Amino acid sequence: MPLPKASSAGDLVRCLDLDDFDLRLDRYRLIQPKADQLMARSLSKYSQLAPVVYCELEGALVLIDGFKRLRAARTLKGLSTLQARSLEVDEHGAKAAIFNLNRISSKPNELEESWIIYALVHDDGLQQVEVAELLGRHKSWINRRLALIERLTDEAREALRLGLLTPTQAHHLTGLQRCNQNSAMQCATEHALTSRELSEAVKLLQASSTHEQTQFVLEKPREAIRQAQDRYVYQWDPRLSTAGNRTARRLGLLLDCVTKMNHWLRLSGRSELQACDRSILVDSFRKLELETSLLTEANGDFIKELQLP
């Protein structure tokens, strides 16, 4: 769908005060603090390179494109106006313009696209077929985008809108059931997880089949991730003797096996085994418990000997 044409008056760029804009549509654009900081630097160094876009609705100057520029401008001293041009559109057309202008000015963010589609369907009451026609997309594409934002809880959607949750993190959360998303989001905040760490934590939560497994991931996410990912790969160390290298290799293999078993016992063991397996394997696990207890004792004594002068 082509962009709405500006009126002859709207072809003219005019200067508007920063407080003149109505920001009712800003909830359809995601806040990303790093991008705002970069925009502030750009405005400070190069001034405004492109006008913001607005439309007139009910006598108000409603901002359509340029929310990031406006937020950045408000952080800079001495900048009180922005260059702006208008579009002649109604409220539905304004949301469509947000969608299309975002596609032109930057790489589309599918969560922002989903947000606009969600608003058109849930807030404005349009049918998906109508939204598809308005945005120039196929109905199946509209349906997929709508499903993406609908998979998030209300709390996650609000955190996403406010910039407390990055689009990448929100994507990871959509892999969880809604009942687990808020706990995972709280875990990511409390432990300051990166997007990659949250992705790994989500995978572990998806594999968890008991309350204990889920709580372990939520309370100690980095430990759970480490146990799931640790691999001890041994390479020949020229500082060691032949016997020392042989011992180091055995240690590496043992540590790898212990880490895998520890992860399996904590996160997936109970869910994978069938009832018929338990009576057969119980003796082996008892032997494992005894051997690891003896190993821990012997290892502690050996460490003390290694530390002697």
C-alpha atoms as a PDB file:
ATOM      1  CA  MET A   1       0.000   0.000   0.000  1.00  0.00           C
ATOM      2  CA  PRO A   2       1.467   3.424  -0.925  1.00  0.00           C
ATOM      3  CA  LEU A   3       1.953   6.016   1.756  1.00  0.00           C
ATOM      4  CA  PRO A   4      -0.770   8.638   2.146  1.00  0.00           C
ATOM      5  CA  LYS A   5       0.043  11.752   0.168  1.00  0.00           C
ATOM      6  CA  ALA A   6       0.776  14.959   1.972  1.00  0.00           C
ATOM      7  CA  SER A   7      -1.469  17.884   1.327  1.00  0.00           C
ATOM      8  CA  SER A   8      -0.111  20.928  -0.449  1.00  0.00           C
ATOM      9  CA  ALA A   9       0.176  22.592   2.954  1.00  0.00           C
ATOM     10  CA  GLY A  10       1.782  19.458   4.327  1.00  0.00           C
ATOM     11  CA  ASP A  11       4.462  19.551   1.627  1.00  0.00           C
ATOM     12  CA  LEU A  12       5.876  22.532   3.489  1.00  0.00           C
ATOM     13  CA  VAL A  13       8.188  21.848   6.393  1.00  0.00           C
ATOM     14  CA  ARG A  14       7.404  23.945   9.440  1.00  0.00           C
ATOM     15  CA  CYS A  15       9.023  24.309  12.852  1.00  0.00           C
ATOM     16  CA  LEU A  16       6.971  23.111  15.803  1.00  0.00           C
ATOM     17  CA  ASP A  17       7.665  23.424  19.499  1.00  0.00           C
ATOM     18  CA  LEU A  18       8.589  20.168  21.250  1.00  0.00           C
ATOM     19  CA  ASP A  19       5.496  20.479  23.426  1.00  0.00           C
ATOM     20  CA  ASP A  20       3.140  20.936  20.458  1.00  0.00           C
ATOM     21  CA  PHE A  21       2.982  17.235  19.600  1.00  0.00           C
ATOM     22  CA  ASP A  22       0.240  14.872  20.746  1.00  0.00           C
ATOM     23  CA  LEU A  23       1.888  11.534  21.625  1.00  0.00           C
ATOM     24  CA  ARG A  24      -1.166   9.263  21.688  1.00  0.00           C
ATOM     25  CA  LEU A  25       0.436   6.975  19.100  1.00  0.00           C
ATOM     26  CA  ASP A  26       3.791   6.553  20.840  1.00  0.00           C
ATOM     27  CA  ARG A  27       2.581   3.339  22.483  1.00  0.00           C
ATOM     28  CA  TYR A  28       2.923   1.627  19.090  1.00  0.00           C
ATOM     29  CA  ARG A  29       6.669   2.280  18.894  1.00  0.00           C
ATOM     30  CA  LEU A  30       9.097   0.418  21.133  1.00  0.00           C
ATOM     31  CA  ILE A  31      11.521   2.375  23.307  1.00  0.00           C
ATOM     32  CA  GLN A  32      15.148   1.269  22.976  1.00  0.00           C
ATOM     33  CA  PRO A  33      17.392   3.391  25.243  1.00  0.00           C
ATOM     34  CA  LYS A  34      20.604   2.746  23.268  1.00  0.00           C
ATOM     35  CA  ALA A  35      18.950   3.889  20.039  1.00  0.00           C
ATOM     36  CA  ASP A  36      17.705   7.028  21.814  1.00  0.00           C
ATOM     37  CA  GLN A  37      21.235   7.799  22.992  1.00  0.00           C
ATOM     38  CA  LEU A  38      22.605   7.423  19.456  1.00  0.00           C
ATOM     39  CA  MET A  39      19.877   9.703  18.127  1.00  0.00           C
ATOM     40  CA  ALA A  40      20.723  12.337  20.757  1.00  0.00           C
ATOM     41  CA  ARG A  41      24.367  12.255  19.656  1.00  0.00           C
ATOM     42  CA  SER A  42      23.336  12.586  16.017  1.00  0.00           C
ATOM     43  CA  LEU A  43      21.085  15.572  16.755  1.00  0.00           C
ATOM     44  CA  SER A  44      23.804  17.211  18.807  1.00  0.00           C
ATOM     45  CA  LYS A  45      26.460  16.731  16.124  1.00  0.00           C
ATOM     46  CA  TYR A  46      24.570  17.057  12.845  1.00  0.00           C
ATOM     47  CA  SER A  47      21.291  18.757  13.875  1.00  0.00           C
ATOM     48  CA  GLN A  48      18.014  17.395  12.460  1.00  0.00           C
ATOM     49  CA  LEU A  49      18.492  15.606   9.133  1.00  0.00           C
ATOM     50  CA  ALA A  50      14.859  14.746   8.336  1.00  0.00           C
ATOM     51  CA  PRO A  51      11.538  16.259   9.443  1.00  0.00           C
ATOM     52  CA  VAL A  52       9.223  14.410  11.768  1.00  0.00           C
ATOM     53  CA  VAL A  53       5.742  13.570  10.460  1.00  0.00           C
ATOM     54  CA  TYR A  54       2.424  14.373  12.089  1.00  0.00           C
ATOM     55  CA  CYS A  55      -1.276  14.531  11.279  1.00  0.00           C
ATOM     56  CA  GLU A  56      -4.134  16.604  12.631  1.00  0.00           C
ATOM     57  CA  LEU A  57      -6.737  14.652  14.593  1.00  0.00           C
ATOM     58  CA  GLU A  58      -9.458  16.429  16.553  1.00  0.00           C
ATOM     59  CA  GLY A  59      -7.457  19.641  16.429  1.00  0.00           C
ATOM     60  CA  ALA A  60      -4.307  18.007  17.858  1.00  0.00           C
ATOM     61  CA  LEU A  61      -0.953  17.623  16.102  1.00  0.00           C
ATOM     62  CA  VAL A  62      -0.522  13.859  16.466  1.00  0.00           C
ATOM     63  CA  LEU A  63       3.022  12.621  15.915  1.00  0.00           C
ATOM     64  CA  ILE A  64       3.272   9.709  13.465  1.00  0.00           C
ATOM     65  CA  ASP A  65       6.991   9.363  12.790  1.00  0.00           C
ATOM     66  CA  GLY A  66       9.868  10.819  14.798  1.00  0.00           C
ATOM     67  CA  PHE A  67       9.246   9.649  18.361  1.00  0.00           C
ATOM     68  CA  LYS A  68      12.910   8.812  18.838  1.00  0.00           C
ATOM     69  CA  ARG A  69      13.950  12.236  17.516  1.00  0.00           C
ATOM     70  CA  LEU A  70      11.506  13.954  19.858  1.00  0.00           C
ATOM     71  CA  ARG A  71      12.707  12.022  22.933  1.00  0.00           C
ATOM     72  CA  ALA A  72      16.321  12.778  22.006  1.00  0.00           C
ATOM     73  CA  ALA A  73      15.588  16.471  21.376  1.00  0.00           C
ATOM     74  CA  ARG A  74      14.060  16.816  24.833  1.00  0.00           C
ATOM     75  CA  THR A  75      17.348  15.713  26.410  1.00  0.00           C
ATOM     76  CA  LEU A  76      19.401  18.402  24.639  1.00  0.00           C
ATOM     77  CA  LYS A  77      19.805  21.923  25.928  1.00  0.00           C
ATOM     78  CA  GLY A  78      19.032  24.720  23.498  1.00  0.00           C
ATOM     79  CA  LEU A  79      16.817  22.617  21.228  1.00  0.00           C
ATOM     80  CA  SER A  80      13.181  23.641  21.558  1.00  0.00           C
ATOM     81  CA  THR A  81      11.736  22.961  18.080  1.00  0.00           C
ATOM     82  CA  LEU A  82      11.720  20.267  15.403  1.00  0.00           C
ATOM     83  CA  GLN A  83      11.099  20.527  11.685  1.00  0.00           C
ATOM     84  CA  ALA A  84       7.869  18.729  10.801  1.00  0.00           C
ATOM     85  CA  ARG A  85       5.545  18.008   7.890  1.00  0.00           C
ATOM     86  CA  SER A  86       1.950  16.814   7.966  1.00  0.00           C
ATOM     87  CA  LEU A  87      -0.043  14.013   6.358  1.00  0.00           C
ATOM     88  CA  GLU A  88      -3.764  14.082   5.671  1.00  0.00           C
ATOM     89  CA  VAL A  89      -4.903  10.807   7.251  1.00  0.00           C
ATOM     90  CA  ASP A  90      -7.473   9.577   9.744  1.00  0.00           C
ATOM     91  CA  GLU A  91      -6.522   7.545  12.844  1.00  0.00           C
ATOM     92  CA  HIS A  92      -6.467   4.215  10.967  1.00  0.00           C
ATOM     93  CA  GLY A  93      -4.337   5.820   8.265  1.00  0.00           C
ATOM     94  CA  ALA A  94      -1.993   7.245  10.905  1.00  0.00           C
ATOM     95  CA  LYS A  95      -1.286   3.766  12.254  1.00  0.00           C
ATOM     96  CA  ALA A  96      -0.767   2.475   8.720  1.00  0.00           C
ATOM     97  CA  ALA A  97       1.651   5.368   8.136  1.00  0.00           C
ATOM     98  CA  ILE A  98       3.631   4.400  11.250  1.00  0.00           C
ATOM     99  CA  PHE A  99       3.915   0.915   9.784  1.00  0.00           C
ATOM    100  CA  ASN A 100       4.994   2.068   6.308  1.00  0.00           C
ATOM    101  CA  LEU A 101       7.291   4.909   7.363  1.00  0.00           C
ATOM    102  CA  ASN A 102       9.103   2.550   9.715  1.00  0.00           C
ATOM    103  CA  ARG A 103       9.680   0.149   6.798  1.00  0.00           C
ATOM    104  CA  ILE A 104      11.201   2.944   4.730  1.00  0.00           C
ATOM    105  CA  SER A 105      13.365   4.672   7.333  1.00  0.00           C
ATOM    106  CA  SER A 106      14.816   1.606   9.056  1.00  0.00           C
ATOM    107  CA  LYS A 107      14.868  -2.169   9.139  1.00  0.00           C
ATOM    108  CA  PRO A 108      11.378  -3.328  10.155  1.00  0.00           C
ATOM    109  CA  ASN A 109      10.973  -4.534  13.708  1.00  0.00           C
ATOM    110  CA  GLU A 110       8.432  -7.333  13.576  1.00  0.00           C
ATOM    111  CA  LEU A 111       7.328  -6.747  17.157  1.00  0.00           C
ATOM    112  CA  GLU A 112       6.534  -3.116  16.323  1.00  0.00           C
ATOM    113  CA  GLU A 113       4.657  -4.287  13.258  1.00  0.00           C
ATOM    114  CA  SER A 114       2.797  -6.777  15.440  1.00  0.00           C
ATOM    115  CA  TRP A 115       2.009  -4.002  17.910  1.00  0.00           C
ATOM    116  CA  ILE A 116       0.350  -1.839  15.256  1.00  0.00           C
ATOM    117  CA  ILE A 117      -1.627  -4.797  13.894  1.00  0.00           C
ATOM    118  CA  TYR A 118      -2.707  -5.670  17.441  1.00  0.00           C
ATOM    119  CA  ALA A 119      -3.960  -2.092  17.926  1.00  0.00           C
ATOM    120  CA  LEU A 120      -5.873  -2.069  14.652  1.00  0.00           C
ATOM    121  CA  VAL A 121      -7.564  -5.377  15.490  1.00  0.00           C
ATOM    122  CA  HIS A 122      -8.133  -5.049  19.239  1.00  0.00           C
ATOM    123  CA  ASP A 123      -8.391  -1.284  19.764  1.00  0.00           C
ATOM    124  CA  ASP A 124     -10.028  -0.231  16.493  1.00  0.00           C
ATOM    125  CA  GLY A 125     -12.063  -3.385  15.901  1.00  0.00           C
ATOM    126  CA  LEU A 126     -10.900  -3.986  12.333  1.00  0.00           C
ATOM    127  CA  GLN A 127     -11.039  -7.461  10.812  1.00  0.00           C
ATOM    128  CA  GLN A 128      -7.737  -9.061   9.827  1.00  0.00           C
ATOM    129  CA  VAL A 129      -8.767  -8.853   6.163  1.00  0.00           C
ATOM    130  CA  GLU A 130      -9.280  -5.101   6.542  1.00  0.00           C
ATOM    131  CA  VAL A 131      -5.900  -4.693   8.239  1.00  0.00           C
ATOM    132  CA  ALA A 132      -4.243  -6.700   5.457  1.00  0.00           C
ATOM    133  CA  GLU A 133      -5.763  -4.379   2.850  1.00  0.00           C
ATOM    134  CA  LEU A 134      -4.816  -1.269   4.831  1.00  0.00           C
ATOM    135  CA  LEU A 135      -1.180  -2.338   5.209  1.00  0.00           C
ATOM    136  CA  GLY A 136      -0.820  -3.980   1.808  1.00  0.00           C
ATOM    137  CA  ARG A 137      -0.046  -7.403   3.245  1.00  0.00           C
ATOM    138  CA  HIS A 138      -1.537 -10.885   2.946  1.00  0.00           C
ATOM    139  CA  LYS A 139      -3.996 -12.001   5.624  1.00  0.00           C
ATOM    140  CA  SER A 140      -1.773 -14.931   6.648  1.00  0.00           C
ATOM    141  CA  TRP A 141       1.111 -12.496   7.295  1.00  0.00           C
ATOM    142  CA  ILE A 142      -1.188 -10.346   9.434  1.00  0.00           C
ATOM    143  CA  ASN A 143      -2.292 -13.440  11.345  1.00  0.00           C
ATOM    144  CA  ARG A 144       1.304 -14.491  12.083  1.00  0.00           C
ATOM    145  CA  ARG A 145       2.294 -11.026  13.307  1.00  0.00           C
ATOM    146  CA  LEU A 146      -0.825 -10.791  15.460  1.00  0.00           C
ATOM    147  CA  ALA A 147      -0.157 -14.195  17.031  1.00  0.00           C
ATOM    148  CA  LEU A 148       3.380 -13.064  17.939  1.00  0.00           C
ATOM    149  CA  ILE A 149       2.246 -10.180  20.147  1.00  0.00           C
ATOM    150  CA  GLU A 150      -0.749 -12.108  21.503  1.00  0.00           C
ATOM    151  CA  ARG A 151       1.583 -14.782  22.884  1.00  0.00           C
ATOM    152  CA  LEU A 152       3.041 -12.226  25.319  1.00  0.00           C
ATOM    153  CA  THR A 153       1.417 -11.492  28.662  1.00  0.00           C
ATOM    154  CA  ASP A 154       0.072  -8.001  29.366  1.00  0.00           C
ATOM    155  CA  GLU A 155       3.020  -7.376  31.700  1.00  0.00           C
ATOM    156  CA  ALA A 156       5.539  -8.440  29.057  1.00  0.00           C
ATOM    157  CA  ARG A 157       3.875  -6.239  26.432  1.00  0.00           C
ATOM    158  CA  GLU A 158       4.039  -3.240  28.771  1.00  0.00           C
ATOM    159  CA  ALA A 159       7.701  -3.912  29.642  1.00  0.00           C
ATOM    160  CA  LEU A 160       8.446  -4.189  25.925  1.00  0.00           C
ATOM    161  CA  ARG A 161       6.723  -0.887  25.187  1.00  0.00           C
ATOM    162  CA  LEU A 162       8.606   0.915  27.987  1.00  0.00           C
ATOM    163  CA  GLY A 163      11.983  -0.444  26.913  1.00  0.00           C
ATOM    164  CA  LEU A 164      12.408  -2.588  30.031  1.00  0.00           C
ATOM    165  CA  LEU A 165      12.397  -5.654  27.782  1.00  0.00           C
ATOM    166  CA  THR A 166      14.297  -5.694  24.495  1.00  0.00           C
ATOM    167  CA  PRO A 167      12.615  -6.982  21.323  1.00  0.00           C
ATOM    168  CA  THR A 168      15.062  -9.903  21.265  1.00  0.00           C
ATOM    169  CA  GLN A 169      14.224 -10.835  24.849  1.00  0.00           C
ATOM    170  CA  ALA A 170      10.512 -10.573  24.075  1.00  0.00           C
ATOM    171  CA  HIS A 171      11.020 -12.977  21.178  1.00  0.00           C
ATOM    172  CA  HIS A 172      12.568 -15.494  23.543  1.00  0.00           C
ATOM    173  CA  LEU A 173       9.673 -15.140  25.990  1.00  0.00           C
ATOM    174  CA  THR A 174       7.141 -16.036  23.296  1.00  0.00           C
ATOM    175  CA  GLY A 175       8.603 -19.551  23.409  1.00  0.00           C
ATOM    176  CA  LEU A 176       7.173 -19.998  26.918  1.00  0.00           C
ATOM    177  CA  GLN A 177       3.612 -20.493  28.035  1.00  0.00           C
ATOM    178  CA  ARG A 178       2.032 -17.270  29.265  1.00  0.00           C
ATOM    179  CA  CYS A 179       1.911 -18.608  32.841  1.00  0.00           C
ATOM    180  CA  ASN A 180       5.745 -18.768  32.898  1.00  0.00           C
ATOM    181  CA  GLN A 181       6.603 -15.562  31.046  1.00  0.00           C
ATOM    182  CA  ASN A 182       6.354 -13.141  33.960  1.00  0.00           C
ATOM    183  CA  SER A 183       8.578 -15.342  36.155  1.00  0.00           C
ATOM    184  CA  ALA A 184      11.157 -15.588  33.377  1.00  0.00           C
ATOM    185  CA  MET A 185      11.003 -11.826  32.821  1.00  0.00           C
ATOM    186  CA  GLN A 186      11.502 -11.196  36.548  1.00  0.00           C
ATOM    187  CA  CYS A 187      14.422 -13.647  36.541  1.00  0.00           C
ATOM    188  CA  ALA A 188      16.036 -11.801  33.609  1.00  0.00           C
ATOM    189  CA  THR A 189      15.674  -8.483  35.447  1.00  0.00           C
ATOM    190  CA  GLU A 190      16.909  -9.675  38.843  1.00  0.00           C
ATOM    191  CA  HIS A 191      19.955 -11.441  37.400  1.00  0.00           C
ATOM    192  CA  ALA A 192      20.577  -8.891  34.584  1.00  0.00           C
ATOM    193  CA  LEU A 193      20.579 -11.653  31.978  1.00  0.00           C
ATOM    194  CA  THR A 194      21.723 -10.870  28.477  1.00  0.00           C
ATOM    195  CA  SER A 195      19.479 -11.785  25.559  1.00  0.00           C
ATOM    196  CA  ARG A 196      21.620 -14.852  24.909  1.00  0.00           C
ATOM    197  CA  GLU A 197      21.446 -15.964  28.536  1.00  0.00           C
ATOM    198  CA  LEU A 198      17.677 -15.484  28.565  1.00  0.00           C
ATOM    199  CA  SER A 199      17.442 -17.583  25.407  1.00  0.00           C
ATOM    200  CA  GLU A 200      19.315 -20.424  27.104  1.00  0.00           C
ATOM    201  CA  ALA A 201      17.224 -20.081  30.264  1.00  0.00           C
ATOM    202  CA  VAL A 202      14.038 -20.272  28.201  1.00  0.00           C
ATOM    203  CA  LYS A 203      15.268 -23.503  26.592  1.00  0.00           C
ATOM    204  CA  LEU A 204      15.888 -24.991  30.039  1.00  0.00           C
ATOM    205  CA  LEU A 205      12.448 -23.877  31.253  1.00  0.00           C
ATOM    206  CA  GLN A 206      10.870 -25.489  28.201  1.00  0.00           C
ATOM    207  CA  ALA A 207      12.650 -28.754  29.063  1.00  0.00           C
ATOM    208  CA  SER A 208      11.692 -28.617  32.749  1.00  0.00           C
ATOM    209  CA  SER A 209       8.967 -31.060  33.738  1.00  0.00           C
ATOM    210  CA  THR A 210       8.825 -30.513  37.509  1.00  0.00           C
ATOM    211  CA  HIS A 211       8.394 -27.517  39.788  1.00  0.00           C
ATOM    212  CA  GLU A 212      11.841 -28.151  41.290  1.00  0.00           C
ATOM    213  CA  GLN A 213      13.533 -27.989  37.890  1.00  0.00           C
ATOM    214  CA  THR A 214      11.728 -24.772  36.982  1.00  0.00           C
ATOM    215  CA  GLN A 215      12.622 -23.123  40.298  1.00  0.00           C
ATOM    216  CA  PHE A 216      16.287 -24.076  39.943  1.00  0.00           C
ATOM    217  CA  VAL A 217      16.468 -22.336  36.549  1.00  0.00           C
ATOM    218  CA  LEU A 218      14.606 -19.246  37.799  1.00  0.00           C
ATOM    219  CA  GLU A 219      16.601 -18.918  41.028  1.00  0.00           C
ATOM    220  CA  LYS A 220      20.047 -19.806  39.641  1.00  0.00           C
ATOM    221  CA  PRO A 221      19.834 -19.241  35.866  1.00  0.00           C
ATOM    222  CA  ARG A 222      23.555 -18.886  35.212  1.00  0.00           C
ATOM    223  CA  GLU A 223      24.405 -21.999  37.228  1.00  0.00           C
ATOM    224  CA  ALA A 224      21.737 -23.952  35.345  1.00  0.00           C
ATOM    225  CA  ILE A 225      23.066 -22.682  32.012  1.00  0.00           C
ATOM    226  CA  ARG A 226      26.646 -23.517  32.981  1.00  0.00           C
ATOM    227  CA  GLN A 227      25.720 -27.038  33.989  1.00  0.00           C
ATOM    228  CA  ALA A 228      23.909 -27.500  30.694  1.00  0.00           C
ATOM    229  CA  GLN A 229      26.719 -26.144  28.543  1.00  0.00           C
ATOM    230  CA  ASP A 230      29.994 -26.934  30.308  1.00  0.00           C
ATOM    231  CA  ARG A 231      32.325 -29.086  28.249  1.00  0.00           C
ATOM    232  CA  TYR A 232      35.812 -29.964  29.454  1.00  0.00           C
ATOM    233  CA  VAL A 233      37.893 -30.532  26.329  1.00  0.00           C
ATOM    234  CA  TYR A 234      41.477 -31.531  27.099  1.00  0.00           C
ATOM    235  CA  GLN A 235      44.492 -30.518  25.015  1.00  0.00           C
ATOM    236  CA  TRP A 236      48.102 -31.585  25.575  1.00  0.00           C
ATOM    237  CA  ASP A 237      49.824 -29.254  28.026  1.00  0.00           C
ATOM    238  CA  PRO A 238      53.607 -28.993  27.487  1.00  0.00           C
ATOM    239  CA  ARG A 239      54.067 -27.880  31.102  1.00  0.00           C
ATOM    240  CA  LEU A 240      52.962 -31.314  32.367  1.00  0.00           C
ATOM    241  CA  SER A 241      54.807 -34.621  32.388  1.00  0.00           C
ATOM    242  CA  THR A 242      53.434 -37.619  30.507  1.00  0.00           C
ATOM    243  CA  ALA A 243      51.749 -38.868  33.691  1.00  0.00           C
ATOM    244  CA  GLY A 244      50.408 -35.363  34.376  1.00  0.00           C
ATOM    245  CA  ASN A 245      48.883 -35.097  30.906  1.00  0.00           C
ATOM    246  CA  ARG A 246      47.347 -38.544  31.244  1.00  0.00           C
ATOM    247  CA  THR A 247      45.795 -37.494  34.570  1.00  0.00           C
ATOM    248  CA  ALA A 248      44.552 -34.192  33.113  1.00  0.00           C
ATOM    249  CA  ARG A 249      42.876 -36.064  30.253  1.00  0.00           C
ATOM    250  CA  ARG A 250      41.088 -38.393  32.679  1.00  0.00           C
ATOM    251  CA  LEU A 251      39.987 -35.412  34.760  1.00  0.00           C
ATOM    252  CA  GLY A 252      38.584 -33.705  31.678  1.00  0.00           C
ATOM    253  CA  LEU A 253      36.563 -36.754  30.659  1.00  0.00           C
ATOM    254  CA  LEU A 254      35.323 -37.270  34.213  1.00  0.00           C
ATOM    255  CA  LEU A 255      34.328 -33.619  34.694  1.00  0.00           C
ATOM    256  CA  ASP A 256      32.434 -33.646  31.403  1.00  0.00           C
ATOM    257  CA  CYS A 257      30.511 -36.781  32.396  1.00  0.00           C
ATOM    258  CA  VAL A 258      29.794 -35.479  35.902  1.00  0.00           C
ATOM    259  CA  THR A 259      28.509 -32.157  34.552  1.00  0.00           C
ATOM    260  CA  LYS A 260      26.213 -33.875  32.062  1.00  0.00           C
ATOM    261  CA  MET A 261      24.887 -36.250  34.700  1.00  0.00           C
ATOM    262  CA  ASN A 262      24.333 -33.414  37.182  1.00  0.00           C
ATOM    263  CA  HIS A 263      22.367 -31.470  34.582  1.00  0.00           C
ATOM    264  CA  TRP A 264      20.354 -34.543  33.588  1.00  0.00           C
ATOM    265  CA  LEU A 265      19.478 -35.365  37.219  1.00  0.00           C
ATOM    266  CA  ARG A 266      18.396 -31.807  37.987  1.00  0.00           C
ATOM    267  CA  LEU A 267      16.492 -30.905  34.837  1.00  0.00           C
ATOM    268  CA  SER A 268      15.344 -33.816  32.717  1.00  0.00           C
ATOM    269  CA  GLY A 269      15.987 -37.164  34.410  1.00  0.00           C
ATOM    270  CA  ARG A 270      12.555 -37.636  35.975  1.00  0.00           C
ATOM    271  CA  SER A 271      10.692 -36.707  32.823  1.00  0.00           C
ATOM    272  CA  GLU A 272      12.682 -38.979  30.494  1.00  0.00           C
ATOM    273  CA  LEU A 273      12.568 -42.239  32.450  1.00  0.00           C
ATOM    274  CA  GLN A 274       9.567 -44.556  32.253  1.00  0.00           C
ATOM    275  CA  ALA A 275       8.117 -46.410  35.238  1.00  0.00           C
ATOM    276  CA  CYS A 276       9.655 -49.692  34.047  1.00  0.00           C
ATOM    277  CA  ASP A 277      13.151 -48.122  34.105  1.00  0.00           C
ATOM    278  CA  ARG A 278      13.201 -47.099  37.741  1.00  0.00           C
ATOM    279  CA  SER A 279      13.428 -50.453  39.525  1.00  0.00           C
ATOM    280  CA  ILE A 280      16.173 -51.604  37.154  1.00  0.00           C
ATOM    281  CA  LEU A 281      18.322 -48.479  37.444  1.00  0.00           C
ATOM    282  CA  VAL A 282      17.955 -47.791  41.152  1.00  0.00           C
ATOM    283  CA  ASP A 283      20.858 -50.078  42.138  1.00  0.00           C
ATOM    284  CA  SER A 284      23.172 -48.339  39.663  1.00  0.00           C
ATOM    285  CA  PHE A 285      22.248 -44.922  41.050  1.00  0.00           C
ATOM    286  CA  ARG A 286      22.901 -46.198  44.581  1.00  0.00           C
ATOM    287  CA  LYS A 287      26.321 -47.376  43.483  1.00  0.00           C
ATOM    288  CA  LEU A 288      26.904 -43.959  41.876  1.00  0.00           C
ATOM    289  CA  GLU A 289      26.023 -42.290  45.174  1.00  0.00           C
ATOM    290  CA  LEU A 290      28.500 -44.515  47.067  1.00  0.00           C
ATOM    291  CA  GLU A 291      31.308 -44.118  44.529  1.00  0.00           C
ATOM    292  CA  THR A 292      30.930 -40.330  44.324  1.00  0.00           C
ATOM    293  CA  SER A 293      30.971 -40.107  48.107  1.00  0.00           C
ATOM    294  CA  LEU A 294      34.212 -42.126  48.248  1.00  0.00           C
ATOM    295  CA  LEU A 295      35.624 -40.103  45.339  1.00  0.00           C
ATOM    296  CA  THR A 296      34.830 -36.814  47.098  1.00  0.00           C
ATOM    297  CA  GLU A 297      36.651 -37.994  50.230  1.00  0.00           C
ATOM    298  CA  ALA A 298      39.691 -39.276  48.346  1.00  0.00           C
ATOM    299  CA  ASN A 299      39.804 -36.174  46.174  1.00  0.00           C
ATOM    300  CA  GLY A 300      39.771 -33.894  49.215  1.00  0.00           C
ATOM    301  CA  ASP A 301      42.726 -35.749  50.737  1.00  0.00           C
ATOM    302  CA  PHE A 302      44.625 -35.665  47.438  1.00  0.00           C
ATOM    303  CA  ILE A 303      44.124 -31.888  47.043  1.00  0.00           C
ATOM    304  CA  LYS A 304      45.660 -31.373  50.492  1.00  0.00           C
ATOM    305  CA  GLU A 305      48.718 -33.448  49.447  1.00  0.00           C
ATOM    306  CA  LEU A 306      49.095 -31.496  46.212  1.00  0.00           C
ATOM    307  CA  GLN A 307      49.168 -28.243  48.162  1.00  0.00           C
ATOM    308  CA  LEU A 308      51.953 -29.362  50.486  1.00  0.00           C
ATOM    309  CA  PRO A 309      55.383 -27.720  49.912  1.00  0.00           C
END
